[in-house]
Amino acid sequence: MIHFERIDSTNSYVLKNIDELEDGEIVIADSQTGGHGRFGREWVSRCTGNLYLTFVLKPHSYLYAANLTQYLSVVLVTVLKEYSVSANIKWPNDVLAGGGKIAGILCESSVFGGGIKGLALGIGVNLNMSGDDLCRISQKAASLNLLTGRQVNKMEFAEILSTEFFRHYSDFMETGFCFIRSEYEKYSNFLGGQIFVSDGGERFQYYAESLNDDGSLRVVDAEDCVKNLFSADIEL
């Protein structure tokens, strides 16, 4: 495990140094100055008690790389159970607990000459934050210490998460989303209900019908037209 006290972003570090890093290596930081999530949004990374971690991945095939964030979301929900915390997944990979977002997940690739050199699969988990810290975040957020009533050992949490991640990683990369589909559906809090999707400045309402074998979301609009979402920001 490579450990930094302070860095711009663990994902950025991995992408910049992908050639020197080994497959399966883990990079962790106490704080980040440039933490980010999907669509370039800032991930608040100043709290040194939280987890900021990136897995270095160089699989034989990248066929199911797009579903790795969904796999990691299931892994995290499983780990949170060990802390007696029940969590849900909001498509595609947001993990919610106690009514707020507790983690953000982002997978980025290093590309050269038309091919992929490796992946940076990053996760940020709110482990030890105060109520005031959470109030400074633009969206409703949660922290594990406030849900459990005790401080969380960050390095112990990182070890549990990493062990659980690699437990079935190879199986997942052989099978893809179908390997986690039943668990993902069990933890999902959006299926069978109305969702809102923002696209091009407009906001659309859909019924979240089901998940496809590739992890995309099948939705139905008011005119009963079916659409498959592959990447979107949904609101419940």
C-alpha atoms as a PDB file:
ATOM      1  CA  MET A   1       0.000   0.000   0.000  1.00  0.00           C
ATOM      2  CA  ILE A   2       1.320   3.437  -0.978  1.00  0.00           C
ATOM      3  CA  HIS A   3       0.356   6.038   1.639  1.00  0.00           C
ATOM      4  CA  PHE A   4       0.450   9.821   1.241  1.00  0.00           C
ATOM      5  CA  GLU A   5      -0.325  12.384   3.906  1.00  0.00           C
ATOM      6  CA  ARG A   6      -1.479  14.876   1.270  1.00  0.00           C
ATOM      7  CA  ILE A   7      -1.858  14.625  -2.502  1.00  0.00           C
ATOM      8  CA  ASP A   8      -3.881  16.223  -5.279  1.00  0.00           C
ATOM      9  CA  SER A   9      -5.830  13.008  -5.973  1.00  0.00           C
ATOM     10  CA  THR A  10      -5.070   9.318  -5.557  1.00  0.00           C
ATOM     11  CA  ASN A  11      -6.698   8.651  -8.936  1.00  0.00           C
ATOM     12  CA  SER A  12      -4.567  11.312 -10.610  1.00  0.00           C
ATOM     13  CA  TYR A  13      -1.422   9.863  -9.033  1.00  0.00           C
ATOM     14  CA  VAL A  14      -2.256   6.406 -10.343  1.00  0.00           C
ATOM     15  CA  LEU A  15      -2.962   7.645 -13.866  1.00  0.00           C
ATOM     16  CA  LYS A  16       0.301   9.627 -13.951  1.00  0.00           C
ATOM     17  CA  ASN A  17       2.359   6.687 -12.693  1.00  0.00           C
ATOM     18  CA  ILE A  18       0.498   3.747 -14.197  1.00  0.00           C
ATOM     19  CA  ASP A  19       3.612   2.279 -15.845  1.00  0.00           C
ATOM     20  CA  GLU A  20       5.479   2.000 -12.539  1.00  0.00           C
ATOM     21  CA  LEU A  21       2.579   0.696 -10.471  1.00  0.00           C
ATOM     22  CA  GLU A  22       1.758  -2.982 -10.096  1.00  0.00           C
ATOM     23  CA  ASP A  23      -1.619  -4.533 -10.781  1.00  0.00           C
ATOM     24  CA  GLY A  24      -3.550  -4.732  -7.518  1.00  0.00           C
ATOM     25  CA  GLU A  25      -1.554  -2.007  -5.793  1.00  0.00           C
ATOM     26  CA  ILE A  26      -3.439   0.366  -3.486  1.00  0.00           C
ATOM     27  CA  VAL A  27      -2.849   4.092  -3.092  1.00  0.00           C
ATOM     28  CA  ILE A  28      -4.283   5.904  -0.077  1.00  0.00           C
ATOM     29  CA  ALA A  29      -4.095   9.511   1.114  1.00  0.00           C
ATOM     30  CA  ASP A  30      -4.976  11.282   4.357  1.00  0.00           C
ATOM     31  CA  SER A  31      -6.238  14.297   2.416  1.00  0.00           C
ATOM     32  CA  GLN A  32      -6.618  15.416  -1.205  1.00  0.00           C
ATOM     33  CA  THR A  33      -6.459  18.890  -2.677  1.00  0.00           C
ATOM     34  CA  GLY A  34      -8.164  17.904  -5.936  1.00  0.00           C
ATOM     35  CA  GLY A  35     -10.550  15.087  -5.089  1.00  0.00           C
ATOM     36  CA  HIS A  36     -13.240  14.687  -7.729  1.00  0.00           C
ATOM     37  CA  GLY A  37     -16.159  12.483  -8.668  1.00  0.00           C
ATOM     38  CA  ARG A  38     -18.296  11.877 -11.731  1.00  0.00           C
ATOM     39  CA  PHE A  39     -18.833  14.783 -14.127  1.00  0.00           C
ATOM     40  CA  GLY A  40     -15.822  16.570 -12.600  1.00  0.00           C
ATOM     41  CA  ARG A  41     -17.605  17.384  -9.344  1.00  0.00           C
ATOM     42  CA  GLU A  42     -15.522  18.124  -6.289  1.00  0.00           C
ATOM     43  CA  TRP A  43     -15.298  15.429  -3.628  1.00  0.00           C
ATOM     44  CA  VAL A  44     -14.566  17.166  -0.322  1.00  0.00           C
ATOM     45  CA  SER A  45     -11.284  15.584   0.803  1.00  0.00           C
ATOM     46  CA  ARG A  46      -9.916  17.726   3.620  1.00  0.00           C
ATOM     47  CA  CYS A  47     -10.991  15.529   6.527  1.00  0.00           C
ATOM     48  CA  THR A  48      -8.005  13.327   7.413  1.00  0.00           C
ATOM     49  CA  GLY A  49     -10.250  10.814   9.165  1.00  0.00           C
ATOM     50  CA  ASN A  50     -11.962   9.833   5.923  1.00  0.00           C
ATOM     51  CA  LEU A  51     -10.868   7.248   3.385  1.00  0.00           C
ATOM     52  CA  TYR A  52      -9.446   8.311   0.009  1.00  0.00           C
ATOM     53  CA  LEU A  53      -8.253   5.192  -1.797  1.00  0.00           C
ATOM     54  CA  THR A  54      -7.530   4.042  -5.343  1.00  0.00           C
ATOM     55  CA  PHE A  55      -7.082   0.506  -6.656  1.00  0.00           C
ATOM     56  CA  VAL A  56      -4.551   0.043  -9.476  1.00  0.00           C
ATOM     57  CA  LEU A  57      -6.054  -2.445 -11.920  1.00  0.00           C
ATOM     58  CA  LYS A  58      -4.506  -3.982 -15.026  1.00  0.00           C
ATOM     59  CA  PRO A  59      -6.807  -6.877 -15.960  1.00  0.00           C
ATOM     60  CA  HIS A  60      -6.254  -9.178 -18.936  1.00  0.00           C
ATOM     61  CA  SER A  61      -9.526  -7.939 -20.418  1.00  0.00           C
ATOM     62  CA  TYR A  62     -11.274  -4.594 -20.002  1.00  0.00           C
ATOM     63  CA  LEU A  63     -14.589  -5.938 -21.281  1.00  0.00           C
ATOM     64  CA  TYR A  64     -16.372  -5.282 -17.989  1.00  0.00           C
ATOM     65  CA  ALA A  65     -14.360  -2.308 -16.792  1.00  0.00           C
ATOM     66  CA  ALA A  66     -17.404  -0.027 -17.103  1.00  0.00           C
ATOM     67  CA  ASN A  67     -19.149  -2.031 -14.366  1.00  0.00           C
ATOM     68  CA  LEU A  68     -16.323  -1.896 -11.830  1.00  0.00           C
ATOM     69  CA  THR A  69     -17.870   1.047  -9.982  1.00  0.00           C
ATOM     70  CA  GLN A  70     -21.077  -0.951  -9.574  1.00  0.00           C
ATOM     71  CA  TYR A  71     -19.070  -3.909  -8.276  1.00  0.00           C
ATOM     72  CA  LEU A  72     -17.290  -1.670  -5.766  1.00  0.00           C
ATOM     73  CA  SER A  73     -20.595  -0.186  -4.599  1.00  0.00           C
ATOM     74  CA  VAL A  74     -21.814  -3.703  -3.729  1.00  0.00           C
ATOM     75  CA  VAL A  75     -18.521  -4.419  -1.968  1.00  0.00           C
ATOM     76  CA  LEU A  76     -18.891  -1.272   0.133  1.00  0.00           C
ATOM     77  CA  VAL A  77     -22.474  -2.076   1.153  1.00  0.00           C
ATOM     78  CA  THR A  78     -21.218  -5.509   2.252  1.00  0.00           C
ATOM     79  CA  VAL A  79     -18.437  -3.935   4.338  1.00  0.00           C
ATOM     80  CA  LEU A  80     -20.803  -1.448   5.959  1.00  0.00           C
ATOM     81  CA  LYS A  81     -22.873  -4.392   7.178  1.00  0.00           C
ATOM     82  CA  GLU A  82     -19.875  -5.390   9.303  1.00  0.00           C
ATOM     83  CA  TYR A  83     -20.302  -2.046  11.064  1.00  0.00           C
ATOM     84  CA  SER A  84     -24.021  -2.754  11.537  1.00  0.00           C
ATOM     85  CA  VAL A  85     -24.958  -0.067   9.020  1.00  0.00           C
ATOM     86  CA  SER A  86     -27.569  -0.708   6.345  1.00  0.00           C
ATOM     87  CA  ALA A  87     -26.864   1.039   3.028  1.00  0.00           C
ATOM     88  CA  ASN A  88     -28.490   1.368  -0.380  1.00  0.00           C
ATOM     89  CA  ILE A  89     -27.229   1.957  -3.915  1.00  0.00           C
ATOM     90  CA  LYS A  90     -28.489   4.715  -6.172  1.00  0.00           C
ATOM     91  CA  TRP A  91     -27.723   3.917  -9.796  1.00  0.00           C
ATOM     92  CA  PRO A  92     -25.109   3.645 -10.983  1.00  0.00           C
ATOM     93  CA  ASN A  93     -22.787   3.632  -7.959  1.00  0.00           C
ATOM     94  CA  ASP A  94     -23.745   6.107  -5.236  1.00  0.00           C
ATOM     95  CA  VAL A  95     -23.845   4.489  -1.790  1.00  0.00           C
ATOM     96  CA  LEU A  96     -26.347   5.992   0.639  1.00  0.00           C
ATOM     97  CA  ALA A  97     -26.724   5.397   4.360  1.00  0.00           C
ATOM     98  CA  GLY A  98     -28.736   7.170   7.017  1.00  0.00           C
ATOM     99  CA  GLY A  99     -30.472   9.222   4.346  1.00  0.00           C
ATOM    100  CA  GLY A 100     -27.277  10.706   2.900  1.00  0.00           C
ATOM    101  CA  LYS A 101     -24.433   9.878   0.536  1.00  0.00           C
ATOM    102  CA  ILE A 102     -21.610   8.185   2.390  1.00  0.00           C
ATOM    103  CA  ALA A 103     -19.289   7.362  -0.515  1.00  0.00           C
ATOM    104  CA  GLY A 104     -18.304   8.351  -4.018  1.00  0.00           C
ATOM    105  CA  ILE A 105     -16.757   6.011  -6.586  1.00  0.00           C
ATOM    106  CA  LEU A 106     -14.945   6.881  -9.811  1.00  0.00           C
ATOM    107  CA  CYS A 107     -13.131   4.729 -12.365  1.00  0.00           C
ATOM    108  CA  GLU A 108     -10.712   6.380 -14.812  1.00  0.00           C
ATOM    109  CA  SER A 109      -8.506   4.822 -17.456  1.00  0.00           C
ATOM    110  CA  SER A 110      -5.009   5.527 -18.710  1.00  0.00           C
ATOM    111  CA  VAL A 111      -5.052   5.334 -22.502  1.00  0.00           C
ATOM    112  CA  PHE A 112      -2.088   5.271 -24.870  1.00  0.00           C
ATOM    113  CA  GLY A 113      -1.982   4.522 -28.596  1.00  0.00           C
ATOM    114  CA  GLY A 114      -5.638   3.568 -28.712  1.00  0.00           C
ATOM    115  CA  GLY A 115      -5.301   0.990 -25.926  1.00  0.00           C
ATOM    116  CA  ILE A 116      -5.871   0.985 -22.175  1.00  0.00           C
ATOM    117  CA  LYS A 117      -2.760   0.781 -20.000  1.00  0.00           C
ATOM    118  CA  GLY A 118      -4.612   0.462 -16.708  1.00  0.00           C
ATOM    119  CA  LEU A 119      -7.409   1.679 -14.499  1.00  0.00           C
ATOM    120  CA  ALA A 120      -7.638   3.890 -11.437  1.00  0.00           C
ATOM    121  CA  LEU A 121     -10.668   2.787  -9.425  1.00  0.00           C
ATOM    122  CA  GLY A 122     -11.085   5.344  -6.677  1.00  0.00           C
ATOM    123  CA  ILE A 123     -13.370   5.544  -3.686  1.00  0.00           C
ATOM    124  CA  GLY A 124     -13.923   8.148  -1.019  1.00  0.00           C
ATOM    125  CA  VAL A 125     -15.800   7.123   2.124  1.00  0.00           C
ATOM    126  CA  ASN A 126     -16.917   9.456   4.889  1.00  0.00           C
ATOM    127  CA  LEU A 127     -15.653   7.701   7.997  1.00  0.00           C
ATOM    128  CA  ASN A 128     -15.038  10.348  10.655  1.00  0.00           C
ATOM    129  CA  MET A 129     -16.814  13.666  10.192  1.00  0.00           C
ATOM    130  CA  SER A 130     -18.668  16.062  12.456  1.00  0.00           C
ATOM    131  CA  GLY A 131     -22.194  17.280  11.861  1.00  0.00           C
ATOM    132  CA  ASP A 132     -20.750  20.695  10.966  1.00  0.00           C
ATOM    133  CA  ASP A 133     -18.477  19.052   8.371  1.00  0.00           C
ATOM    134  CA  LEU A 134     -21.453  17.411   6.708  1.00  0.00           C
ATOM    135  CA  CYS A 135     -23.416  20.661   6.629  1.00  0.00           C
ATOM    136  CA  ARG A 136     -20.677  22.218   4.481  1.00  0.00           C
ATOM    137  CA  ILE A 137     -21.253  19.637   1.733  1.00  0.00           C
ATOM    138  CA  SER A 138     -23.638  20.773  -1.007  1.00  0.00           C
ATOM    139  CA  GLN A 139     -25.676  17.543  -1.018  1.00  0.00           C
ATOM    140  CA  LYS A 140     -27.043  15.556   1.899  1.00  0.00           C
ATOM    141  CA  ALA A 141     -24.203  13.413   3.217  1.00  0.00           C
ATOM    142  CA  ALA A 142     -23.571  10.848   5.929  1.00  0.00           C
ATOM    143  CA  SER A 143     -20.539   9.690   7.891  1.00  0.00           C
ATOM    144  CA  LEU A 144     -19.932   6.255   9.374  1.00  0.00           C
ATOM    145  CA  ASN A 145     -18.873   7.508  12.813  1.00  0.00           C
ATOM    146  CA  LEU A 146     -22.145   9.404  13.240  1.00  0.00           C
ATOM    147  CA  LEU A 147     -24.140   6.350  12.169  1.00  0.00           C
ATOM    148  CA  THR A 148     -22.339   4.009  14.566  1.00  0.00           C
ATOM    149  CA  GLY A 149     -21.719   6.428  17.428  1.00  0.00           C
ATOM    150  CA  ARG A 150     -17.979   5.762  17.498  1.00  0.00           C
ATOM    151  CA  GLN A 151     -14.780   6.715  15.702  1.00  0.00           C
ATOM    152  CA  VAL A 152     -13.738   4.466  12.837  1.00  0.00           C
ATOM    153  CA  ASN A 153     -10.204   3.129  12.381  1.00  0.00           C
ATOM    154  CA  LYS A 154      -9.433   4.260   8.834  1.00  0.00           C
ATOM    155  CA  MET A 155      -6.631   1.817   8.076  1.00  0.00           C
ATOM    156  CA  GLU A 156      -8.629  -1.091   9.453  1.00  0.00           C
ATOM    157  CA  PHE A 157     -11.568  -0.077   7.261  1.00  0.00           C
ATOM    158  CA  ALA A 158      -9.253   0.162   4.222  1.00  0.00           C
ATOM    159  CA  GLU A 159      -7.945  -3.344   4.898  1.00  0.00           C
ATOM    160  CA  ILE A 160     -11.446  -4.817   5.217  1.00  0.00           C
ATOM    161  CA  LEU A 161     -12.600  -3.039   2.053  1.00  0.00           C
ATOM    162  CA  SER A 162      -9.567  -4.166   0.040  1.00  0.00           C
ATOM    163  CA  THR A 163      -9.882  -7.771   1.175  1.00  0.00           C
ATOM    164  CA  GLU A 164     -13.570  -7.840   0.267  1.00  0.00           C
ATOM    165  CA  PHE A 165     -12.883  -6.174  -3.095  1.00  0.00           C
ATOM    166  CA  PHE A 166     -10.301  -8.712  -4.214  1.00  0.00           C
ATOM    167  CA  ARG A 167     -12.281 -11.678  -2.816  1.00  0.00           C
ATOM    168  CA  HIS A 168     -14.425 -11.909  -5.961  1.00  0.00           C
ATOM    169  CA  TYR A 169     -12.687  -9.447  -8.281  1.00  0.00           C
ATOM    170  CA  SER A 170     -11.411 -12.130 -10.682  1.00  0.00           C
ATOM    171  CA  ASP A 171     -14.821 -13.795 -10.868  1.00  0.00           C
ATOM    172  CA  PHE A 172     -16.465 -10.461 -11.571  1.00  0.00           C
ATOM    173  CA  MET A 173     -14.017  -9.632 -14.367  1.00  0.00           C
ATOM    174  CA  GLU A 174     -14.846 -12.965 -15.988  1.00  0.00           C
ATOM    175  CA  THR A 175     -18.620 -12.501 -15.791  1.00  0.00           C
ATOM    176  CA  GLY A 176     -19.391  -8.799 -15.562  1.00  0.00           C
ATOM    177  CA  PHE A 177     -22.499  -7.223 -14.064  1.00  0.00           C
ATOM    178  CA  CYS A 178     -24.401 -10.512 -14.062  1.00  0.00           C
ATOM    179  CA  PHE A 179     -22.083 -11.703 -11.275  1.00  0.00           C
ATOM    180  CA  ILE A 180     -23.404  -9.033  -8.881  1.00  0.00           C
ATOM    181  CA  ARG A 181     -26.834  -8.419 -10.355  1.00  0.00           C
ATOM    182  CA  SER A 182     -28.917 -10.083  -7.629  1.00  0.00           C
ATOM    183  CA  GLU A 183     -27.028  -8.323  -4.822  1.00  0.00           C
ATOM    184  CA  TYR A 184     -27.089  -5.006  -6.649  1.00  0.00           C
ATOM    185  CA  GLU A 185     -30.846  -5.244  -7.139  1.00  0.00           C
ATOM    186  CA  LYS A 186     -31.331  -6.159  -3.475  1.00  0.00           C
ATOM    187  CA  TYR A 187     -29.489  -3.024  -2.349  1.00  0.00           C
ATOM    188  CA  SER A 188     -30.995  -0.716  -4.976  1.00  0.00           C
ATOM    189  CA  ASN A 189     -33.344   2.024  -3.741  1.00  0.00           C
ATOM    190  CA  PHE A 190     -34.520   3.283  -7.134  1.00  0.00           C
ATOM    191  CA  LEU A 191     -36.095   0.331  -8.938  1.00  0.00           C
ATOM    192  CA  GLY A 192     -39.856   0.323  -9.228  1.00  0.00           C
ATOM    193  CA  GLY A 193     -40.209   4.032  -8.629  1.00  0.00           C
ATOM    194  CA  GLN A 194     -40.127   7.424 -10.283  1.00  0.00           C
ATOM    195  CA  ILE A 195     -36.754   9.024 -10.980  1.00  0.00           C
ATOM    196  CA  PHE A 196     -35.649  12.315 -12.501  1.00  0.00           C
ATOM    197  CA  VAL A 197     -32.808  12.617 -15.013  1.00  0.00           C
ATOM    198  CA  SER A 198     -31.101  15.851 -16.020  1.00  0.00           C
ATOM    199  CA  ASP A 199     -29.901  16.000 -19.611  1.00  0.00           C
ATOM    200  CA  GLY A 200     -28.827  19.039 -21.633  1.00  0.00           C
ATOM    201  CA  GLY A 201     -30.334  21.473 -19.171  1.00  0.00           C
ATOM    202  CA  GLU A 202     -33.683  19.664 -19.161  1.00  0.00           C
ATOM    203  CA  ARG A 203     -35.154  17.459 -16.450  1.00  0.00           C
ATOM    204  CA  PHE A 204     -37.055  14.321 -17.401  1.00  0.00           C
ATOM    205  CA  GLN A 205     -39.208  12.004 -15.320  1.00  0.00           C
ATOM    206  CA  TYR A 206     -39.100   8.236 -15.814  1.00  0.00           C
ATOM    207  CA  TYR A 207     -40.224   5.040 -14.176  1.00  0.00           C
ATOM    208  CA  ALA A 208     -37.152   2.944 -13.252  1.00  0.00           C
ATOM    209  CA  GLU A 209     -38.287  -0.441 -14.546  1.00  0.00           C
ATOM    210  CA  SER A 210     -35.311  -2.785 -14.367  1.00  0.00           C
ATOM    211  CA  LEU A 211     -31.597  -3.349 -14.869  1.00  0.00           C
ATOM    212  CA  ASN A 212     -30.137  -4.840 -18.037  1.00  0.00           C
ATOM    213  CA  ASP A 213     -27.445  -7.510 -18.145  1.00  0.00           C
ATOM    214  CA  ASP A 214     -24.819  -4.856 -18.879  1.00  0.00           C
ATOM    215  CA  GLY A 215     -25.750  -2.796 -15.809  1.00  0.00           C
ATOM    216  CA  SER A 216     -27.609  -0.112 -17.734  1.00  0.00           C
ATOM    217  CA  LEU A 217     -30.963   1.115 -16.440  1.00  0.00           C
ATOM    218  CA  ARG A 218     -34.184   0.460 -18.329  1.00  0.00           C
ATOM    219  CA  VAL A 219     -36.671   3.305 -17.869  1.00  0.00           C
ATOM    220  CA  VAL A 220     -40.127   4.147 -19.211  1.00  0.00           C
ATOM    221  CA  ASP A 221     -41.460   7.645 -19.832  1.00  0.00           C
ATOM    222  CA  ALA A 222     -45.031   8.965 -19.531  1.00  0.00           C
ATOM    223  CA  GLU A 223     -45.816   7.820 -23.099  1.00  0.00           C
ATOM    224  CA  ASP A 224     -44.645   4.251 -22.329  1.00  0.00           C
ATOM    225  CA  CYS A 225     -41.522   4.696 -24.448  1.00  0.00           C
ATOM    226  CA  VAL A 226     -38.628   2.556 -23.232  1.00  0.00           C
ATOM    227  CA  LYS A 227     -35.121   3.957 -22.934  1.00  0.00           C
ATOM    228  CA  ASN A 228     -31.861   2.487 -21.651  1.00  0.00           C
ATOM    229  CA  LEU A 229     -29.627   4.763 -19.576  1.00  0.00           C
ATOM    230  CA  PHE A 230     -25.910   4.020 -19.693  1.00  0.00           C
ATOM    231  CA  SER A 231     -24.639   7.104 -17.870  1.00  0.00           C
ATOM    232  CA  ALA A 232     -26.771   9.663 -16.109  1.00  0.00           C
ATOM    233  CA  ASP A 233     -27.240  11.543 -12.879  1.00  0.00           C
ATOM    234  CA  ILE A 234     -30.541  10.480 -11.358  1.00  0.00           C
ATOM    235  CA  GLU A 235     -32.616  11.993  -8.569  1.00  0.00           C
ATOM    236  CA  LEU A 236     -35.171  10.058  -6.584  1.00  0.00           C
END
